[in-house]
């Protein structure tokens, strides 16, 4: 992995999660080892087409990072293909790590494993998209841990052409 001049390596006295947050890539150009996935995401961005995305791989290869960057590129009001502005409200919220009202990182292993939990989230928490936006972006980690009934519910929602949710 090559070091970018935008990713300094000075010691700050913190380790673990703080280190990961500080040096996590914030642009597609900074992600290494995911060239095929990046080409696919860039193709979607270039066409303006929204599609559900499946990212697979071992732990630590950058699936969550790619999902977050992709959502930021879609939510950014001033983004060029592959580059978020970093200045608009949506970019600042996502880069700060605060909860964005349209982007959710969820783990099926923790909370949404059953049909009833998933249905409550999809129907109650995501009932209406805020004014000025068109879609929610959901990053669902550990999706293989969903129960069969929850998987069926998720598939039905993903196949709905009028859905305002992108997984």
Foldseek 3Di string as FASTA:
>chain_A
DDDDPVQDDDDDPDDDPVNCLSRQDQFPVPQPPPVVVSVVLLVCLVVVHAAADDDDDDPPNQPVVVLLNSVQQVPAPDHDRRGHPCPDPSNVCSSVVHDDLQEEEEECVPFVQEQVRLCCCCCPSPVDDDPPDQAGEYHYHNVVSHDPNNVVVVVVLNPPPNHRYHD
